[in-house]
Amino acid sequence: MYRLYSLVLVGSLLCLFTVPVTCTDLALCPSGWLTSLTSRSCILPYKKFKSWDEARVWCKADAGDLLIKVDKEKLNLLYENHIRGAFWIGLNDKRQEGKFIWLDDKQTITNITWDRYEPNNNDNGDCVFMSIHASYHKTMADDPCDKKYYFICEMFPDCFTNTFGADCSEICSANCGGPSNACDNFSGFCLYGCDDGYQGERCEAECAHNTFGANCSEICSPNCGGPNNACDNFSGFCIDGCDDGYQGERCEAASYGRQTEPTNWLAYTVVALVTASTFGSLQHVFFAL
């Protein structure tokens, strides 16, 4: 069974300026995993004693494998999280003695910080463990693959949050719907539709003429003023006011416009009363009906 973890945002503490993402474009790694921004991967040390092959099985159950390409940033990440001890990593010379390669590569690695007198192929040691010391340095040594050590897993999410394309170098549209503006990591198409006022597979186009709202499915009021009855693509509020006889932000309520002035019945009543008082009769009073 896969050991799945709920997704959480990684804090801005991990923001580095050496990668083409911003602090708001952090990875969504499983809860408890560490995020390596330079390698765009998630790292999890396990303090369980396993053989090298058992450790790989354990990591693969988490959709990953043993840690590869240990660089300064990954090492600092482990130090900062107080990870200490000896851990299996994804380096070995199983294929050819003395030619150490990472699990994802066929190229022989030469710049390895070996421990003293290592590698020595003691007891046919083909697998490499890394010792992380309290003094902020690491050393590596080979040992038989059936020995038991802690191990470090690494997984590579498809893309960081809000990124897609080759090397995850493109940014999802800010107009993608949903809480995180998520898009397909290959095409960039928005996964949850568009924010109100936008349309298209990547939600990059504003609503077409006279439309607004969710999926641009609503029509601007025909009572919007101006030659095109234009309205805001998000709210539907009329941009150029209302036609005569209408009011409100969307010009949907009737009102008295310039062409429909109401009869002032109070004024006519006052005139009638004054006339009656003067002439003693309403007989000749003219009312506008």
C-alpha atoms as a PDB file:
ATOM      1  CA  MET A   1       0.000   0.000   0.000  1.00  0.00           C
ATOM      2  CA  TYR A   2       1.251   3.474  -0.819  1.00  0.00           C
ATOM      3  CA  ARG A   3       2.059   5.633   2.158  1.00  0.00           C
ATOM      4  CA  LEU A   4       0.284   8.765   1.066  1.00  0.00           C
ATOM      5  CA  TYR A   5       0.604  12.047   2.855  1.00  0.00           C
ATOM      6  CA  SER A   6      -1.669  15.064   2.774  1.00  0.00           C
ATOM      7  CA  LEU A   7      -0.337  17.924   0.685  1.00  0.00           C
ATOM      8  CA  VAL A   8       0.829  21.105   2.385  1.00  0.00           C
ATOM      9  CA  LEU A   9       2.537  24.233   1.171  1.00  0.00           C
ATOM     10  CA  VAL A  10       6.227  24.551   1.861  1.00  0.00           C
ATOM     11  CA  GLY A  11       7.076  27.776   3.699  1.00  0.00           C
ATOM     12  CA  SER A  12       8.860  30.690   2.164  1.00  0.00           C
ATOM     13  CA  LEU A  13      11.887  29.831   4.320  1.00  0.00           C
ATOM     14  CA  LEU A  14      12.980  27.585   1.457  1.00  0.00           C
ATOM     15  CA  CYS A  15      12.848  30.295  -1.220  1.00  0.00           C
ATOM     16  CA  LEU A  16      16.104  30.443  -3.140  1.00  0.00           C
ATOM     17  CA  PHE A  17      17.006  32.927  -5.842  1.00  0.00           C
ATOM     18  CA  THR A  18      18.982  30.414  -7.889  1.00  0.00           C
ATOM     19  CA  VAL A  19      15.942  28.760  -9.423  1.00  0.00           C
ATOM     20  CA  PRO A  20      13.405  30.130 -11.902  1.00  0.00           C
ATOM     21  CA  VAL A  21      10.454  30.158  -9.524  1.00  0.00           C
ATOM     22  CA  THR A  22       9.211  32.768  -7.098  1.00  0.00           C
ATOM     23  CA  CYS A  23       8.470  32.345  -3.424  1.00  0.00           C
ATOM     24  CA  THR A  24       4.782  32.008  -4.271  1.00  0.00           C
ATOM     25  CA  ASP A  25       5.475  29.142  -6.672  1.00  0.00           C
ATOM     26  CA  LEU A  26       6.635  26.601  -4.100  1.00  0.00           C
ATOM     27  CA  ALA A  27       6.316  22.866  -4.460  1.00  0.00           C
ATOM     28  CA  LEU A  28       3.557  20.824  -2.970  1.00  0.00           C
ATOM     29  CA  CYS A  29       5.487  17.986  -1.332  1.00  0.00           C
ATOM     30  CA  PRO A  30       3.801  15.386   0.847  1.00  0.00           C
ATOM     31  CA  SER A  31       3.560  16.348   4.494  1.00  0.00           C
ATOM     32  CA  GLY A  32       6.816  15.632   6.318  1.00  0.00           C
ATOM     33  CA  TRP A  33       8.976  15.684   3.194  1.00  0.00           C
ATOM     34  CA  LEU A  34      11.668  18.300   2.601  1.00  0.00           C
ATOM     35  CA  THR A  35      11.628  20.370  -0.591  1.00  0.00           C
ATOM     36  CA  SER A  36      14.745  20.774  -2.704  1.00  0.00           C
ATOM     37  CA  LEU A  37      14.183  23.752  -4.978  1.00  0.00           C
ATOM     38  CA  THR A  38      17.342  23.278  -7.040  1.00  0.00           C
ATOM     39  CA  SER A  39      16.453  19.714  -8.003  1.00  0.00           C
ATOM     40  CA  ARG A  40      12.667  20.276  -7.813  1.00  0.00           C
ATOM     41  CA  SER A  41      12.302  17.192  -5.667  1.00  0.00           C
ATOM     42  CA  CYS A  42      10.909  16.021  -2.334  1.00  0.00           C
ATOM     43  CA  ILE A  43      13.233  14.335   0.178  1.00  0.00           C
ATOM     44  CA  LEU A  44      12.385  12.150   3.168  1.00  0.00           C
ATOM     45  CA  PRO A  45      14.970  10.538   5.506  1.00  0.00           C
ATOM     46  CA  TYR A  46      13.816   7.275   7.112  1.00  0.00           C
ATOM     47  CA  LYS A  47      15.325   6.140  10.372  1.00  0.00           C
ATOM     48  CA  LYS A  48      14.487   2.519   9.715  1.00  0.00           C
ATOM     49  CA  PHE A  49      17.198  -0.084   9.250  1.00  0.00           C
ATOM     50  CA  LYS A  50      16.920  -1.624   5.783  1.00  0.00           C
ATOM     51  CA  SER A  51      19.210  -3.245   3.252  1.00  0.00           C
ATOM     52  CA  TRP A  52      19.928  -1.191   0.136  1.00  0.00           C
ATOM     53  CA  ASP A  53      17.417  -3.146  -1.964  1.00  0.00           C
ATOM     54  CA  GLU A  54      14.800  -3.105   0.794  1.00  0.00           C
ATOM     55  CA  ALA A  55      15.241   0.649   1.069  1.00  0.00           C
ATOM     56  CA  ARG A  56      14.605   1.030  -2.656  1.00  0.00           C
ATOM     57  CA  VAL A  57      11.386  -0.974  -2.362  1.00  0.00           C
ATOM     58  CA  TRP A  58      10.309   1.243   0.525  1.00  0.00           C
ATOM     59  CA  CYS A  59      11.053   4.426  -1.448  1.00  0.00           C
ATOM     60  CA  LYS A  60       9.276   3.160  -4.555  1.00  0.00           C
ATOM     61  CA  ALA A  61       6.166   2.615  -2.463  1.00  0.00           C
ATOM     62  CA  ASP A  62       6.275   6.393  -1.997  1.00  0.00           C
ATOM     63  CA  ALA A  63       6.572   6.893  -5.788  1.00  0.00           C
ATOM     64  CA  GLY A  64      10.278   7.678  -5.446  1.00  0.00           C
ATOM     65  CA  ASP A  65      13.675   6.015  -5.060  1.00  0.00           C
ATOM     66  CA  LEU A  66      16.853   6.450  -3.034  1.00  0.00           C
ATOM     67  CA  LEU A  67      18.358   9.949  -2.916  1.00  0.00           C
ATOM     68  CA  ILE A  68      20.506  10.882  -5.917  1.00  0.00           C
ATOM     69  CA  LYS A  69      22.941  13.661  -6.860  1.00  0.00           C
ATOM     70  CA  VAL A  70      23.653  14.936  -3.371  1.00  0.00           C
ATOM     71  CA  ASP A  71      24.601  18.605  -3.818  1.00  0.00           C
ATOM     72  CA  LYS A  72      25.267  21.427  -1.367  1.00  0.00           C
ATOM     73  CA  GLU A  73      21.647  22.545  -1.268  1.00  0.00           C
ATOM     74  CA  LYS A  74      20.346  19.060  -0.464  1.00  0.00           C
ATOM     75  CA  LEU A  75      23.013  18.583   2.177  1.00  0.00           C
ATOM     76  CA  ASN A  76      22.204  21.929   3.809  1.00  0.00           C
ATOM     77  CA  LEU A  77      18.541  20.973   3.781  1.00  0.00           C
ATOM     78  CA  LEU A  78      19.350  17.820   5.739  1.00  0.00           C
ATOM     79  CA  TYR A  79      21.602  19.690   8.163  1.00  0.00           C
ATOM     80  CA  GLU A  80      19.022  22.395   8.816  1.00  0.00           C
ATOM     81  CA  ASN A  81      16.467  19.736   9.683  1.00  0.00           C
ATOM     82  CA  HIS A  82      18.868  18.028  12.122  1.00  0.00           C
ATOM     83  CA  ILE A  83      19.280  14.853  10.082  1.00  0.00           C
ATOM     84  CA  ARG A  84      22.311  12.905  11.321  1.00  0.00           C
ATOM     85  CA  GLY A  85      23.556   9.356  10.871  1.00  0.00           C
ATOM     86  CA  ALA A  86      24.445   6.878   8.123  1.00  0.00           C
ATOM     87  CA  PHE A  87      21.961   6.568   5.239  1.00  0.00           C
ATOM     88  CA  TRP A  88      21.766   4.490   2.098  1.00  0.00           C
ATOM     89  CA  ILE A  89      21.668   6.669  -1.023  1.00  0.00           C
ATOM     90  CA  GLY A  90      21.181   5.900  -4.726  1.00  0.00           C
ATOM     91  CA  LEU A  91      24.883   5.451  -5.578  1.00  0.00           C
ATOM     92  CA  ASN A  92      26.401   2.063  -6.435  1.00  0.00           C
ATOM     93  CA  ASP A  93      28.931   0.183  -8.562  1.00  0.00           C
ATOM     94  CA  LYS A  94      26.865  -2.965  -9.057  1.00  0.00           C
ATOM     95  CA  ARG A  95      27.251  -2.845 -12.825  1.00  0.00           C
ATOM     96  CA  GLN A  96      31.031  -2.516 -12.884  1.00  0.00           C
ATOM     97  CA  GLU A  97      33.376  -2.586  -9.914  1.00  0.00           C
ATOM     98  CA  GLY A  98      34.886   0.794  -9.135  1.00  0.00           C
ATOM     99  CA  LYS A  99      32.581   2.745 -11.473  1.00  0.00           C
ATOM    100  CA  PHE A 100      30.007   4.394  -9.235  1.00  0.00           C
ATOM    101  CA  ILE A 101      26.825   5.715 -10.834  1.00  0.00           C
ATOM    102  CA  TRP A 102      23.605   7.285  -9.600  1.00  0.00           C
ATOM    103  CA  LEU A 103      20.399   5.319 -10.066  1.00  0.00           C
ATOM    104  CA  ASP A 104      19.154   7.640 -12.818  1.00  0.00           C
ATOM    105  CA  ASP A 105      22.398   7.854 -14.765  1.00  0.00           C
ATOM    106  CA  LYS A 106      25.001   5.719 -16.539  1.00  0.00           C
ATOM    107  CA  GLN A 107      27.843   8.195 -16.179  1.00  0.00           C
ATOM    108  CA  THR A 108      30.598   7.322 -13.717  1.00  0.00           C
ATOM    109  CA  ILE A 109      30.806   9.723 -10.769  1.00  0.00           C
ATOM    110  CA  THR A 110      34.278  10.878  -9.763  1.00  0.00           C
ATOM    111  CA  ASN A 111      33.766  13.864  -7.437  1.00  0.00           C
ATOM    112  CA  ILE A 112      32.712  11.842  -4.391  1.00  0.00           C
ATOM    113  CA  THR A 113      33.658  12.836  -0.847  1.00  0.00           C
ATOM    114  CA  TRP A 114      34.818   9.424   0.318  1.00  0.00           C
ATOM    115  CA  ASP A 115      35.573   8.579   3.914  1.00  0.00           C
ATOM    116  CA  ARG A 116      39.138   7.652   4.767  1.00  0.00           C
ATOM    117  CA  TYR A 117      40.281   4.424   3.060  1.00  0.00           C
ATOM    118  CA  GLU A 118      37.090   4.346   0.981  1.00  0.00           C
ATOM    119  CA  PRO A 119      35.930   2.914  -1.315  1.00  0.00           C
ATOM    120  CA  ASN A 120      37.530  -0.379  -0.387  1.00  0.00           C
ATOM    121  CA  ASN A 121      35.068  -2.952  -1.763  1.00  0.00           C
ATOM    122  CA  ASN A 122      35.178  -4.662   1.601  1.00  0.00           C
ATOM    123  CA  ASP A 123      33.097  -7.847   1.450  1.00  0.00           C
ATOM    124  CA  ASN A 124      32.066  -6.961  -2.106  1.00  0.00           C
ATOM    125  CA  GLY A 125      30.626  -3.626  -1.080  1.00  0.00           C
ATOM    126  CA  ASP A 126      28.703  -2.347  -4.097  1.00  0.00           C
ATOM    127  CA  CYS A 127      26.290   0.080  -2.442  1.00  0.00           C
ATOM    128  CA  VAL A 128      27.055   3.485  -0.965  1.00  0.00           C
ATOM    129  CA  PHE A 129      25.905   4.993   2.301  1.00  0.00           C
ATOM    130  CA  MET A 130      26.364   8.606   3.309  1.00  0.00           C
ATOM    131  CA  SER A 131      27.355   9.621   6.828  1.00  0.00           C
ATOM    132  CA  ILE A 132      25.992  13.026   7.832  1.00  0.00           C
ATOM    133  CA  HIS A 133      28.066  14.426  10.669  1.00  0.00           C
ATOM    134  CA  ALA A 134      27.236  17.046  13.277  1.00  0.00           C
ATOM    135  CA  SER A 135      30.157  19.162  12.073  1.00  0.00           C
ATOM    136  CA  TYR A 136      28.339  20.106   8.858  1.00  0.00           C
ATOM    137  CA  HIS A 137      30.073  17.706   6.523  1.00  0.00           C
ATOM    138  CA  LYS A 138      29.373  14.361   4.936  1.00  0.00           C
ATOM    139  CA  THR A 139      31.427  11.363   3.924  1.00  0.00           C
ATOM    140  CA  MET A 140      30.594   8.347   1.808  1.00  0.00           C
ATOM    141  CA  ALA A 141      31.605   4.720   1.933  1.00  0.00           C
ATOM    142  CA  ASP A 142      30.758   1.514   0.117  1.00  0.00           C
ATOM    143  CA  ASP A 143      29.437  -1.528   1.928  1.00  0.00           C
ATOM    144  CA  PRO A 144      27.703  -4.808   1.072  1.00  0.00           C
ATOM    145  CA  CYS A 145      24.179  -4.072  -0.121  1.00  0.00           C
ATOM    146  CA  ASP A 146      22.638  -6.420   2.434  1.00  0.00           C
ATOM    147  CA  LYS A 147      23.925  -4.359   5.365  1.00  0.00           C
ATOM    148  CA  LYS A 148      21.284  -2.444   7.336  1.00  0.00           C
ATOM    149  CA  TYR A 149      21.337   1.358   7.390  1.00  0.00           C
ATOM    150  CA  TYR A 150      18.927   4.228   7.557  1.00  0.00           C
ATOM    151  CA  PHE A 151      17.975   5.523   4.102  1.00  0.00           C
ATOM    152  CA  ILE A 152      16.828   8.685   2.330  1.00  0.00           C
ATOM    153  CA  CYS A 153      14.066   8.656  -0.277  1.00  0.00           C
ATOM    154  CA  GLU A 154      13.565  11.210  -3.024  1.00  0.00           C
ATOM    155  CA  MET A 155      10.576  11.773  -5.294  1.00  0.00           C
ATOM    156  CA  PHE A 156      10.092  14.150  -8.215  1.00  0.00           C
ATOM    157  CA  PRO A 157       6.621  15.702  -8.453  1.00  0.00           C
ATOM    158  CA  ASP A 158       5.424  16.386 -11.985  1.00  0.00           C
ATOM    159  CA  CYS A 159       5.812  20.110 -11.473  1.00  0.00           C
ATOM    160  CA  PHE A 160       5.847  22.726  -8.806  1.00  0.00           C
ATOM    161  CA  THR A 161       2.569  24.405  -7.963  1.00  0.00           C
ATOM    162  CA  ASN A 162       1.519  26.786 -10.764  1.00  0.00           C
ATOM    163  CA  THR A 163       4.200  25.605 -13.210  1.00  0.00           C
ATOM    164  CA  PHE A 164       4.149  23.503 -16.378  1.00  0.00           C
ATOM    165  CA  GLY A 165       6.010  22.718 -19.573  1.00  0.00           C
ATOM    166  CA  ALA A 166       9.600  21.731 -20.258  1.00  0.00           C
ATOM    167  CA  ASP A 167      11.543  21.720 -16.984  1.00  0.00           C
ATOM    168  CA  CYS A 168       8.415  23.167 -15.334  1.00  0.00           C
ATOM    169  CA  SER A 169       9.677  26.589 -16.383  1.00  0.00           C
ATOM    170  CA  GLU A 170       6.348  28.141 -17.400  1.00  0.00           C
ATOM    171  CA  ILE A 171       3.808  29.636 -15.013  1.00  0.00           C
ATOM    172  CA  CYS A 172       0.114  28.697 -14.953  1.00  0.00           C
ATOM    173  CA  SER A 173      -2.236  31.571 -15.701  1.00  0.00           C
ATOM    174  CA  ALA A 174      -3.221  33.602 -12.650  1.00  0.00           C
ATOM    175  CA  ASN A 175      -6.760  33.400 -14.057  1.00  0.00           C
ATOM    176  CA  CYS A 176      -7.006  29.617 -13.634  1.00  0.00           C
ATOM    177  CA  GLY A 177      -9.854  28.704 -11.309  1.00  0.00           C
ATOM    178  CA  GLY A 178      -9.603  26.874  -8.018  1.00  0.00           C
ATOM    179  CA  PRO A 179      -7.737  27.741  -4.826  1.00  0.00           C
ATOM    180  CA  SER A 180      -4.224  27.325  -6.249  1.00  0.00           C
ATOM    181  CA  ASN A 181      -4.629  28.318  -9.931  1.00  0.00           C
ATOM    182  CA  ALA A 182      -3.642  24.749 -10.828  1.00  0.00           C
ATOM    183  CA  CYS A 183      -2.962  23.759 -14.433  1.00  0.00           C
ATOM    184  CA  ASP A 184      -1.932  20.609 -16.282  1.00  0.00           C
ATOM    185  CA  ASN A 185       1.822  20.159 -15.869  1.00  0.00           C
ATOM    186  CA  PHE A 186       2.274  19.330 -19.567  1.00  0.00           C
ATOM    187  CA  SER A 187      -0.130  21.600 -21.469  1.00  0.00           C
ATOM    188  CA  GLY A 188      -0.761  24.414 -19.010  1.00  0.00           C
ATOM    189  CA  PHE A 189      -4.526  24.005 -19.453  1.00  0.00           C
ATOM    190  CA  CYS A 190      -6.372  25.123 -16.321  1.00  0.00           C
ATOM    191  CA  LEU A 191      -7.636  22.128 -14.338  1.00  0.00           C
ATOM    192  CA  TYR A 192     -10.621  23.799 -12.670  1.00  0.00           C
ATOM    193  CA  GLY A 193     -11.840  26.183 -15.330  1.00  0.00           C
ATOM    194  CA  CYS A 194     -11.299  29.931 -15.298  1.00  0.00           C
ATOM    195  CA  ASP A 195     -11.857  32.710 -12.830  1.00  0.00           C
ATOM    196  CA  ASP A 196     -14.932  34.774 -13.602  1.00  0.00           C
ATOM    197  CA  GLY A 197     -14.318  37.054 -16.543  1.00  0.00           C
ATOM    198  CA  TYR A 198     -11.848  34.836 -18.423  1.00  0.00           C
ATOM    199  CA  GLN A 199     -12.029  32.067 -20.996  1.00  0.00           C
ATOM    200  CA  GLY A 200      -9.902  29.667 -23.038  1.00  0.00           C
ATOM    201  CA  GLU A 201      -8.035  26.497 -22.094  1.00  0.00           C
ATOM    202  CA  ARG A 202      -5.375  28.543 -20.297  1.00  0.00           C
ATOM    203  CA  CYS A 203      -7.804  31.284 -19.216  1.00  0.00           C
ATOM    204  CA  GLU A 204      -5.689  33.992 -20.804  1.00  0.00           C
ATOM    205  CA  ALA A 205      -8.460  35.764 -22.751  1.00  0.00           C
ATOM    206  CA  GLU A 206     -11.001  38.125 -21.227  1.00  0.00           C
ATOM    207  CA  CYS A 207     -14.662  37.465 -21.963  1.00  0.00           C
ATOM    208  CA  ALA A 208     -15.737  38.355 -25.474  1.00  0.00           C
ATOM    209  CA  HIS A 209     -17.834  41.433 -26.285  1.00  0.00           C
ATOM    210  CA  ASN A 210     -20.965  41.779 -24.118  1.00  0.00           C
ATOM    211  CA  THR A 211     -20.270  38.708 -21.941  1.00  0.00           C
ATOM    212  CA  PHE A 212     -19.043  38.311 -18.377  1.00  0.00           C
ATOM    213  CA  GLY A 213     -18.957  36.045 -15.320  1.00  0.00           C
ATOM    214  CA  ALA A 214     -18.260  32.335 -14.865  1.00  0.00           C
ATOM    215  CA  ASN A 215     -17.189  30.786 -18.182  1.00  0.00           C
ATOM    216  CA  CYS A 216     -18.222  34.093 -19.816  1.00  0.00           C
ATOM    217  CA  SER A 217     -21.738  32.647 -19.875  1.00  0.00           C
ATOM    218  CA  GLU A 218     -23.638  35.776 -18.837  1.00  0.00           C
ATOM    219  CA  ILE A 219     -24.713  38.591 -21.143  1.00  0.00           C
ATOM    220  CA  CYS A 220     -24.212  42.286 -20.417  1.00  0.00           C
ATOM    221  CA  SER A 221     -27.477  44.157 -19.935  1.00  0.00           C
ATOM    222  CA  PRO A 222     -28.853  45.629 -23.183  1.00  0.00           C
ATOM    223  CA  ASN A 223     -29.550  48.709 -21.069  1.00  0.00           C
ATOM    224  CA  CYS A 224     -25.853  49.444 -20.562  1.00  0.00           C
ATOM    225  CA  GLY A 225     -24.951  52.826 -22.018  1.00  0.00           C
ATOM    226  CA  GLY A 226     -22.542  53.568 -24.809  1.00  0.00           C
ATOM    227  CA  PRO A 227     -22.532  52.301 -28.375  1.00  0.00           C
ATOM    228  CA  ASN A 228     -21.618  48.712 -27.467  1.00  0.00           C
ATOM    229  CA  ASN A 229     -23.528  48.129 -24.207  1.00  0.00           C
ATOM    230  CA  ALA A 230     -20.136  47.259 -22.704  1.00  0.00           C
ATOM    231  CA  CYS A 231     -19.815  45.846 -19.182  1.00  0.00           C
ATOM    232  CA  ASP A 232     -16.991  44.704 -16.898  1.00  0.00           C
ATOM    233  CA  ASN A 233     -15.922  41.154 -17.805  1.00  0.00           C
ATOM    234  CA  PHE A 234     -15.862  40.091 -14.138  1.00  0.00           C
ATOM    235  CA  SER A 235     -18.792  41.851 -12.446  1.00  0.00           C
ATOM    236  CA  GLY A 236     -21.091  42.706 -15.342  1.00  0.00           C
ATOM    237  CA  PHE A 237     -21.268  46.329 -14.164  1.00  0.00           C
ATOM    238  CA  CYS A 238     -21.994  48.673 -17.071  1.00  0.00           C
ATOM    239  CA  ILE A 239     -18.881  50.609 -18.056  1.00  0.00           C
ATOM    240  CA  ASP A 240     -20.555  53.646 -19.691  1.00  0.00           C
ATOM    241  CA  GLY A 241     -23.522  54.060 -17.382  1.00  0.00           C
ATOM    242  CA  CYS A 242     -27.105  53.244 -18.308  1.00  0.00           C
ATOM    243  CA  ASP A 243     -29.447  54.022 -21.167  1.00  0.00           C
ATOM    244  CA  ASP A 244     -32.188  56.536 -20.376  1.00  0.00           C
ATOM    245  CA  GLY A 245     -34.817  55.055 -18.119  1.00  0.00           C
ATOM    246  CA  TYR A 246     -32.559  52.563 -16.313  1.00  0.00           C
ATOM    247  CA  GLN A 247     -30.355  52.592 -13.246  1.00  0.00           C
ATOM    248  CA  GLY A 248     -28.141  50.366 -11.075  1.00  0.00           C
ATOM    249  CA  GLU A 249     -24.654  48.976 -11.587  1.00  0.00           C
ATOM    250  CA  ARG A 250     -25.971  46.588 -14.227  1.00  0.00           C
ATOM    251  CA  CYS A 251     -28.719  48.935 -15.458  1.00  0.00           C
ATOM    252  CA  GLU A 252     -31.438  46.382 -14.772  1.00  0.00           C
ATOM    253  CA  ALA A 253     -33.804  48.582 -12.734  1.00  0.00           C
ATOM    254  CA  ALA A 254     -36.252  50.942 -14.413  1.00  0.00           C
ATOM    255  CA  SER A 255     -36.037  54.632 -13.538  1.00  0.00           C
ATOM    256  CA  TYR A 256     -37.319  57.933 -14.862  1.00  0.00           C
ATOM    257  CA  GLY A 257     -34.951  58.973 -17.601  1.00  0.00           C
ATOM    258  CA  ARG A 258     -34.831  62.171 -19.609  1.00  0.00           C
ATOM    259  CA  GLN A 259     -37.607  60.983 -21.900  1.00  0.00           C
ATOM    260  CA  THR A 260     -39.941  59.815 -19.146  1.00  0.00           C
ATOM    261  CA  GLU A 261     -40.232  62.689 -16.655  1.00  0.00           C
ATOM    262  CA  PRO A 262     -43.081  61.991 -14.181  1.00  0.00           C
ATOM    263  CA  THR A 263     -46.085  64.257 -13.774  1.00  0.00           C
ATOM    264  CA  ASN A 264     -45.709  66.310 -10.597  1.00  0.00           C
ATOM    265  CA  TRP A 265     -49.155  65.693  -9.131  1.00  0.00           C
ATOM    266  CA  LEU A 266     -48.342  67.506  -5.908  1.00  0.00           C
ATOM    267  CA  ALA A 267     -47.543  70.702  -7.802  1.00  0.00           C
ATOM    268  CA  TYR A 268     -50.790  70.495  -9.777  1.00  0.00           C
ATOM    269  CA  THR A 269     -52.764  69.898  -6.587  1.00  0.00           C
ATOM    270  CA  VAL A 270     -51.292  73.023  -4.996  1.00  0.00           C
ATOM    271  CA  VAL A 271     -52.116  75.067  -8.107  1.00  0.00           C
ATOM    272  CA  ALA A 272     -55.660  73.742  -8.046  1.00  0.00           C
ATOM    273  CA  LEU A 273     -56.192  74.622  -4.415  1.00  0.00           C
ATOM    274  CA  VAL A 274     -54.793  78.123  -4.860  1.00  0.00           C
ATOM    275  CA  THR A 275     -56.995  78.671  -7.910  1.00  0.00           C
ATOM    276  CA  ALA A 276     -60.080  77.427  -6.075  1.00  0.00           C
ATOM    277  CA  SER A 277     -59.355  79.677  -3.147  1.00  0.00           C
ATOM    278  CA  THR A 278     -58.975  82.674  -5.436  1.00  0.00           C
ATOM    279  CA  PHE A 279     -61.929  82.129  -7.731  1.00  0.00           C
ATOM    280  CA  GLY A 280     -64.091  80.051  -5.400  1.00  0.00           C
ATOM    281  CA  SER A 281     -64.476  77.229  -7.837  1.00  0.00           C
ATOM    282  CA  LEU A 282     -62.479  74.389  -9.450  1.00  0.00           C
ATOM    283  CA  GLN A 283     -64.668  74.540 -12.490  1.00  0.00           C
ATOM    284  CA  HIS A 284     -62.095  76.132 -14.805  1.00  0.00           C
ATOM    285  CA  VAL A 285     -58.916  74.590 -13.380  1.00  0.00           C
ATOM    286  CA  PHE A 286     -56.858  72.745 -16.008  1.00  0.00           C
ATOM    287  CA  PHE A 287     -55.338  69.440 -14.929  1.00  0.00           C
ATOM    288  CA  ALA A 288     -52.738  67.673 -16.942  1.00  0.00           C
ATOM    289  CA  LEU A 289     -53.929  64.119 -17.289  1.00  0.00           C
END
